[in-house]
Protein backbone atom coordinates (compact mmCIF):
# COMPACT_ATOMS: atom_id res chain seq x y z
CA MET A 1 37.89 -29.42 -57.72
CA LYS A 2 37.87 -26.12 -55.81
CA THR A 3 34.16 -26.50 -55.18
CA VAL A 4 34.59 -30.03 -53.86
CA TRP A 5 37.48 -28.92 -51.62
CA ALA A 6 35.42 -26.01 -50.18
CA LEU A 7 32.44 -28.27 -49.50
CA GLY A 8 34.73 -30.76 -47.82
CA ARG A 9 36.20 -28.05 -45.59
CA VAL A 10 32.73 -26.86 -44.55
CA PHE A 11 31.74 -30.44 -43.82
CA ALA A 12 34.84 -30.89 -41.67
CA LEU A 13 34.07 -27.73 -39.69
CA VAL A 14 30.52 -28.92 -39.07
CA LEU A 15 31.88 -32.24 -37.79
CA LEU A 16 34.34 -30.36 -35.54
CA VAL A 17 31.61 -28.19 -34.01
CA ALA A 18 29.39 -31.21 -33.48
CA SER A 19 32.27 -33.06 -31.83
CA LEU A 20 33.04 -30.12 -29.52
CA SER A 21 29.39 -29.73 -28.63
CA SER A 22 29.17 -33.41 -27.81
CA ALA A 23 32.26 -33.19 -25.59
CA ALA A 24 30.83 -30.18 -23.79
CA HIS A 25 27.55 -31.99 -23.21
CA SER A 26 29.43 -34.96 -21.79
CA ALA A 27 31.20 -32.68 -19.33
CA ASP A 28 27.91 -31.01 -18.42
CA ASP A 29 26.31 -34.36 -17.74
CA SER A 30 29.09 -35.54 -15.48
CA GLY A 31 26.61 -36.67 -12.84
CA ASP A 32 28.01 -34.57 -9.99
CA GLY A 33 25.12 -32.09 -10.16
CA SER A 34 27.28 -29.25 -11.52
CA GLU A 35 26.88 -27.42 -14.82
CA ALA A 36 30.08 -26.69 -16.71
CA CYS A 37 30.31 -23.33 -18.49
CA TYR A 38 32.12 -23.00 -21.81
CA GLU A 39 32.87 -20.16 -24.19
CA VAL A 40 32.91 -21.02 -27.89
CA VAL A 41 36.04 -19.44 -29.42
CA ASN A 42 36.85 -20.16 -33.07
CA PHE A 43 34.79 -23.34 -32.95
CA TYR A 44 36.56 -24.51 -29.77
CA SER A 45 34.83 -24.82 -26.39
CA VAL A 46 36.98 -23.22 -23.70
CA SER A 47 36.07 -23.90 -20.05
CA ILE A 48 35.40 -20.67 -18.11
CA GLU A 49 33.91 -19.74 -14.74
CA CYS A 50 30.30 -18.60 -14.80
CA GLU A 51 29.07 -17.49 -11.38
CA TYR A 52 25.44 -17.55 -12.52
CA THR A 53 23.02 -19.53 -14.61
CA GLY A 54 19.63 -18.14 -15.52
CA THR A 55 18.10 -19.94 -12.54
CA THR A 56 20.69 -18.91 -9.95
CA LEU A 57 20.69 -15.30 -11.16
CA GLN A 58 16.93 -15.08 -10.78
CA ALA A 59 17.22 -16.61 -7.28
CA ALA A 60 19.87 -14.03 -6.34
CA GLN A 61 17.58 -11.23 -7.54
CA GLN A 62 14.72 -12.53 -5.44
CA ALA A 63 16.94 -12.91 -2.35
CA GLU A 64 18.32 -9.38 -2.74
CA SER A 65 15.24 -7.76 -4.22
CA GLN A 66 16.09 -4.30 -2.87
CA SER A 67 19.28 -4.22 -4.93
CA LYS A 68 19.61 -2.84 -8.44
CA TRP A 69 20.70 -5.68 -10.72
CA VAL A 70 22.14 -4.89 -14.17
CA ILE A 71 23.61 -7.18 -16.84
CA TYR A 72 25.76 -6.19 -19.82
CA GLN A 73 26.21 -8.44 -22.81
CA LEU A 74 29.90 -9.04 -23.59
CA CYS A 75 31.01 -8.52 -27.19
CA LYS A 76 33.83 -10.23 -29.09
CA ASP A 77 35.51 -6.87 -29.75
CA GLY A 78 36.02 -6.40 -26.00
CA THR A 79 33.15 -3.96 -25.48
CA SER A 80 29.89 -4.51 -23.68
CA GLY A 81 26.36 -3.26 -24.02
CA GLU A 82 22.86 -3.58 -22.70
CA PRO A 83 21.13 -6.96 -23.15
CA GLU A 84 21.10 -8.01 -26.81
CA ALA A 85 23.13 -4.90 -27.75
CA CYS A 86 26.17 -6.71 -29.18
CA ALA A 87 26.25 -7.26 -32.94
CA ASN A 88 28.83 -10.00 -32.36
CA PRO A 89 28.36 -11.35 -28.79
CA ARG A 90 30.55 -13.89 -27.03
CA ILE A 91 28.86 -17.28 -27.40
CA CYS A 92 28.75 -19.71 -24.50
CA THR A 93 27.13 -22.98 -23.48
CA ILE A 94 25.97 -24.12 -20.06
CA GLY A 95 24.07 -27.25 -19.29
CA GLY A 96 24.09 -28.05 -22.99
CA VAL A 97 22.19 -24.83 -23.81
CA ILE A 98 23.69 -22.16 -26.06
CA GLY A 99 23.59 -18.56 -24.85
CA THR A 100 25.75 -15.46 -24.66
CA LEU A 101 28.00 -14.13 -21.92
CA TYR A 102 26.92 -11.29 -19.62
CA ALA A 103 28.68 -9.35 -16.88
CA VAL A 104 26.46 -9.19 -13.77
CA PHE A 105 26.40 -6.13 -11.48
CA GLN A 106 24.64 -5.69 -8.13
CA ASP A 107 24.30 -2.08 -6.95
CA GLY A 108 27.16 -1.08 -9.24
CA ARG A 109 29.52 -3.85 -8.08
CA ARG A 110 30.54 -6.54 -10.56
CA MET A 111 29.47 -9.96 -9.26
CA GLY A 112 30.71 -12.23 -12.07
CA LEU A 113 29.70 -13.82 -15.35
CA ALA A 114 26.48 -15.43 -16.51
CA CYS A 115 25.75 -17.53 -19.57
CA LEU A 116 22.17 -16.62 -20.47
CA THR A 117 19.71 -17.18 -23.26
CA ALA A 118 17.73 -14.21 -24.55
CA GLY A 119 14.72 -15.25 -22.46
CA GLU A 120 16.78 -15.53 -19.28
CA ALA A 121 18.36 -12.11 -19.85
CA ALA A 122 14.94 -10.52 -20.23
CA VAL A 123 13.94 -11.34 -16.63
CA VAL A 124 16.79 -9.27 -15.15
CA GLU A 125 15.12 -5.96 -14.44
CA ASP A 126 14.74 -3.42 -11.67
CA PRO A 127 12.26 -4.41 -8.96
CA PRO A 128 9.16 -2.17 -8.87
CA ILE A 129 9.96 0.86 -6.73
CA ARG A 130 6.65 0.37 -4.89
CA THR A 131 7.90 -3.03 -3.72
CA LEU A 132 11.10 -1.46 -2.42
CA VAL A 133 9.22 1.30 -0.56
CA ILE A 134 6.88 -1.14 1.17
CA ARG A 135 9.83 -3.26 2.27
CA ALA A 136 11.79 -0.22 3.42
CA PHE A 137 8.84 1.24 5.37
CA GLU A 138 9.50 -0.85 8.49
CA GLU A 139 13.24 -0.15 8.38
CA LEU A 140 12.96 3.64 8.43
CA ASP A 141 13.73 5.60 11.60
CA TRP A 142 10.23 6.62 12.69
CA PRO A 143 10.40 8.81 15.83
CA SER A 144 9.27 7.48 19.19
CA SER A 145 6.68 9.52 21.09
CA ASN A 146 7.58 11.75 24.02
CA LEU A 147 5.70 10.87 27.19
CA VAL A 148 4.35 13.46 29.63
CA VAL A 149 3.20 12.28 33.06
CA GLN A 150 1.15 14.38 35.48
CA PRO A 151 1.85 14.97 38.36
CA PRO A 152 5.35 15.88 37.10
CA ASN A 153 8.86 15.24 38.46
CA GLY A 154 8.55 11.45 38.37
CA LYS A 155 6.20 11.11 41.34
CA THR A 156 2.51 10.33 41.68
CA LEU A 157 0.05 9.18 44.36
CA VAL A 158 -1.47 5.77 44.90
CA ASN A 159 -5.23 5.34 44.34
CA LEU A 160 -5.50 8.63 42.44
CA ASP A 161 -5.61 9.39 38.71
CA THR A 162 -2.22 9.77 37.01
CA ASN A 163 -2.50 11.56 33.68
CA PHE A 164 -0.54 10.56 30.53
CA TYR A 165 -0.22 12.22 27.13
CA THR A 166 2.14 12.81 24.18
CA THR A 167 2.58 15.66 21.74
CA ASN A 168 3.57 13.35 18.86
CA THR A 169 0.54 13.68 16.59
CA GLU A 170 1.79 15.15 13.30
CA LEU A 171 2.73 13.62 9.95
CA THR A 172 6.38 12.58 9.62
CA ASP A 173 8.19 12.69 6.24
CA ILE A 174 11.36 10.64 5.68
CA PRO A 175 13.36 11.09 2.43
CA VAL A 176 15.15 8.06 0.97
CA ARG A 177 17.00 7.24 -2.26
CA LEU A 178 15.84 4.13 -4.11
CA LEU A 179 17.09 3.10 -7.54
CA GLY A 180 18.63 6.55 -7.93
CA ARG A 181 15.31 8.34 -7.35
CA THR A 182 14.13 10.64 -4.55
CA VAL A 183 11.36 9.02 -2.51
CA ILE A 184 9.49 10.72 0.35
CA VAL A 185 7.80 8.26 2.73
CA SER A 186 5.12 9.73 5.01
CA ALA A 187 3.18 8.34 7.98
CA ARG A 188 1.38 9.61 11.08
CA PRO A 189 0.61 8.17 14.53
CA ILE A 190 -2.69 6.30 14.42
CA ALA A 191 -2.61 4.54 17.82
CA TYR A 192 -0.78 4.58 21.14
CA ARG A 193 -0.07 1.78 23.59
CA TRP A 194 0.40 3.09 27.15
CA ASN A 195 2.51 0.82 29.33
CA PHE A 196 1.94 1.57 33.02
CA GLY A 197 4.66 -0.66 34.42
CA ASP A 198 2.39 -2.50 36.86
CA GLY A 199 1.50 -5.28 34.44
CA THR A 200 -1.26 -3.34 32.70
CA SER A 201 -1.43 -1.37 29.47
CA LYS A 202 -4.00 0.51 27.42
CA THR A 203 -4.27 1.15 23.67
CA THR A 204 -5.99 4.28 22.36
CA THR A 205 -6.25 6.30 19.19
CA SER A 206 -6.05 9.43 21.35
CA PRO A 207 -2.67 10.96 22.25
CA GLY A 208 -4.11 12.03 25.59
CA ALA A 209 -4.28 15.63 26.80
CA PRO A 210 -2.89 17.84 29.58
CA TYR A 211 -4.68 18.08 32.95
CA PRO A 212 -7.52 18.77 33.75
CA ASP A 213 -8.52 16.47 30.86
CA LEU A 214 -7.99 12.87 31.90
CA ASP A 215 -8.30 11.28 28.49
CA VAL A 216 -5.57 8.73 29.26
CA ALA A 217 -5.44 8.21 33.02
CA HIS A 218 -4.42 5.32 35.24
CA VAL A 219 -4.86 4.55 38.94
CA PHE A 220 -1.96 2.75 40.60
CA ALA A 221 -3.14 0.41 43.36
CA GLN A 222 0.18 -0.05 45.14
CA ILE A 223 3.09 2.12 46.17
CA GLY A 224 6.51 1.48 44.67
CA GLU A 225 8.48 2.25 41.52
CA VAL A 226 7.47 1.42 37.96
CA ALA A 227 8.79 2.14 34.45
CA VAL A 228 6.18 3.73 32.18
CA SER A 229 6.31 4.26 28.40
CA VAL A 230 4.17 4.82 25.32
CA ASP A 231 4.54 2.89 22.05
CA THR A 232 3.36 4.47 18.81
CA GLN A 233 1.73 2.84 15.81
CA TYR A 234 2.40 4.62 12.51
CA GLY A 235 -0.03 4.27 9.62
CA ASP A 236 -1.96 6.27 7.01
CA ALA A 237 1.30 5.89 5.12
CA SER A 238 2.10 7.03 1.59
CA PHE A 239 5.06 7.85 -0.64
CA THR A 240 5.97 10.06 -3.58
CA VAL A 241 8.65 9.51 -6.24
CA ASP A 242 10.50 12.55 -7.58
CA GLY A 243 7.70 14.84 -6.43
CA GLY A 244 4.93 12.90 -8.14
CA GLN A 245 1.49 11.95 -6.90
CA PRO A 246 1.33 10.18 -3.52
CA GLU A 247 0.70 6.44 -3.44
CA GLU A 248 -0.72 4.57 -0.46
CA ILE A 249 1.39 2.15 1.61
CA PRO A 250 -0.81 -0.58 3.12
CA SER A 251 1.43 -1.08 6.16
CA THR A 252 1.67 -0.09 9.81
CA ILE A 253 4.49 -0.32 12.32
CA TRP A 254 4.82 -0.06 16.10
CA VAL A 255 7.69 2.05 17.46
CA PRO A 256 8.58 1.41 21.12
CA GLY A 257 8.87 4.38 23.46
CA GLU A 258 11.59 5.16 25.95
CA GLU A 259 10.88 4.13 29.54
CA GLN A 260 10.57 6.66 32.37
CA ASP A 261 10.87 5.91 36.07
CA LEU A 262 7.79 6.77 38.10
CA GLU A 263 7.60 6.59 41.92
CA ILE A 264 4.17 5.89 43.43
CA LEU A 265 3.75 7.42 46.87
CA GLU A 266 1.13 7.28 49.58
CA ALA A 267 -0.41 10.57 50.73
CA LEU A 268 -0.24 10.88 54.54
CA PRO A 269 -2.42 13.25 56.55
CA GLN A 270 -0.44 15.99 58.26
CA LEU A 271 -1.59 18.54 60.82
CA VAL A 272 -0.76 22.08 59.76
CA LEU A 273 -0.81 24.81 62.38
CA GLU A 274 -1.72 28.29 61.32
């Protein structure tokens, strides 16, 4: 009799779980496009709020790919661990699929809960640091080039050569912290775009040179005032992680230069008595 009673009790529990699962599936398939999230507690399905599914968590990672995403599996004893670390994890269902509950963190800030299968949890990982460096390259504060104009003092003569050059030619190193690691990003000027303010410009790989060299010179055809500048293209870029070997960055970026006022004058003949 005891054996029959025990078998009957097990059979009843199986029917209860099946009934609860069926009810949960009915709620999931409500037709409104939403997916209900449930935690299974003592054979009962309790409705909870899950901010993420496997799909939406992966989409959030891709949208914020420069962030560090971490998930911790939640255990029934109130503790948490790395993915698949719980011996007795909190079971959940979402969209009719059984998984376990995870706490989701973005850059150290808790973002909510996720009901994930083992396969979905495995895709949550740090983005490759190379990807982060390449994306950060254009956001770094690369210095603009100083512009030297000859003749000096903001004045030059019409129909004569005006000389331009910059002293910004050296490699620039910018330290950043990515995923808790020290990254040094390096780049050097590889081209210059000289803006003469009269509707013309010139691009060179040369930084120009002081007079009497006229490596980058321009003749203004009319008197008046213009705003001149030089933009700088940075390239030959690379980065190191924690002092390791440098890796190439296949990117370039243009940095605009600050404008300077330049007055173009006409030289007039003047009789000088000695």
